[in-house]
Amino acid sequence: MKFEDLFVEIGGFGRFQIFILFTLCLPRINLPMHFLLHNFLAATPSHHCAIPHQEAFVNLTTEEVLLISIPQEPDGTFKSCEMFSQPQFHLLLNSSLQPENNSIIQHCQHGWVYDHSQFTSTISTQWDLVCEQRGLNQATATFFFIGVTMGAVVFGYLSDRFGRKSMLLLSLVCSVILGMLSAASVSYSMLVITRTLTGVALSGVSLIVLPLGMEWVDIQHRTFSGILLSIFWSVGNMLLALAAYLVREWHWLLVAVTGPCLLSIVCLWWVPESARWLIANGKVKQAHRNLIKCARMNGKKDFAVSLEALRKMTTDKKPGESYSYISLFRTPILRKISLCSGVVWFGVAFSYYGMSLNLTGFGLNMYVSQFVFGIIEIPAKMIMYVLVNRIGRRQSQSWTLILTGLCIGANTIIPKSFTSLRSVVAILGKGFSEAAFTTIYLYTSELYPTVLRQNGMGYTSFMARLGGALAPLVFLLDEVWRSLPEVTYCTTAVCSGLVAFLLPETLNVRLPEGIEDVEKAQSFSSRYKGPPQTNAPEGMPLQSLLK
């Protein structure tokens, strides 16, 4: 008997599974509230150099003081990072005049004055992370994603070693503690350290929630369950917009997005450890208790299985058989797959976070942008749910990335006065970007053989986190050319979409079990093709069961 056969007797998708999935949706909602928090945590409001009080200013209005103290941009707005070394009183007679000597222009000497109409405070206003210090502001997001990258390695090992539930609890507890410490930061250094460690902790939530849910669901319902958990990421996107709109002070905003982790910790108390993991690690008695609990909750009171039958389900590793990340590059076809999929994952994450962390660049209010970007992800996921089985994985992956890049590129050409058109193009681009992210999870899991699938997903996840870490820093390129960040995101998305055409199609193709299954054929298309099978092996990815 295989483990999948037990689901026929205990109920593969009953009240027990529904309870688990909706409980695991709580931490899933919390993830984007931290992953995209930089939009509001580090927002930079309008600002200008602080002007020290002088007796000569007594009879002048605030606007007049600014006029004689701060240079203007070509559009008439005051510059954010420069001031006159001496008041230019002649500008009161004719404000269109320009100073004859640029040497009288200097960087801000007395700090900055910020517009607090939208934000009470952010880390930018707290520590003056503007102008020359602007790079430190953007680096805050990069440090967070570096933490997420490190956490993927740490919790990936720990969850296999010590169990899904215990490590999920640990990551949630650490997220609460570190999130609250971030909110209490008294210096930029303290914030960077705590946010990086928060990224490590939240990476455990990101890695463990989906496998824990999927390991309790039968094959026929794994696709639905995966989409359900994925949709709640989008719900978290929308809730972040609401939380940021209601809480305009960065300390309390961190508290607001961290607090829900406490509810997840409480609810997780009733979620049992994965029976699959327990059996695989020889904890047969505990697995037996959890299976009995599942059967009873699903109304299968006559379920009975012996401990000996569960022990026989454990698959022992063959002597001398060992696989690592190096195995991904040892053979020619697998090497090509690994190189290309790594580029595609980087491009997907790079363009996704490039759009998600640029809420003010598309003509909408940033709160509205965050909310709409969350909404558009839901139909994007549902559409791709169908398209990947109509036109194939490769075509879906390539064209969603290319269209993402074209939408980003279009907004570099469309004049900023065309606000409505820019907003529509941005929303479409965000939808294509989410569709590309949804597709890549499915596609990659089908490209790698079963013996290397987890290594392959780990490697490509690292490439994605690298793209996420670099995406915020690209915004600094606008000092070279205003449109250079958008051009960079556009070019990366289009190029990675073209690289995706080099990958083999996996629609209706049996999954390879070993490396030799990949290498012995000239291409995946030469292997047997047929409809997805309902009695698919345990290693088959859930999305491959779509009709």
Foldseek 3Di string as FASTA:
>chain_A
DAPLVLCVQQPQDFPLLVLLLVLLLLLLLLVLLLLLVLLQQLDAADKAADDDDDPVCPPPDPVLQQLQWFDADPVGHTDHFKTFLDGRNVCVVPSPDDDPDPVRIDTRDHAMDGDPPQFVDHVCRVPVCDDVNVLLSLLLSLLLLVLLLVLLVVLVVVCLVPFLLVLLLVLLVLLLVLLLQLLVDPDSVSNSVSSSPNSSSSSSSVPRSLVQSQLSHHLVCSVVSVLVSVLSNLVSLLVSLVLCNVHRYSSVSSVVSSVSSVVSSVSSVPRDTRLVSCLQVVVLVSSQVVSCVSSVVRVSNVDDDDSVVSNVNHDDDDPPDDDALVNCCPDDLSNLVLVLLLLLLLLLLLLLLLLSSPQPLQQDDSSVSSNLLSVLQSVLLVVLLPVCQVPFLLVLLLVLLLLLLVLLVVSVVDDVVPRVVSSVSSSSSSSSSSNNVSSSVQVLLQQDALVCSVNSVSSSVSSSSVSSSCNSSLCVCVVVPVCRSSNVSSVSSNVSSVSSNVAATRQQQQGHHDPCVCPVDPGSVPHDGDQDDSPDDPSRDSSNNRD
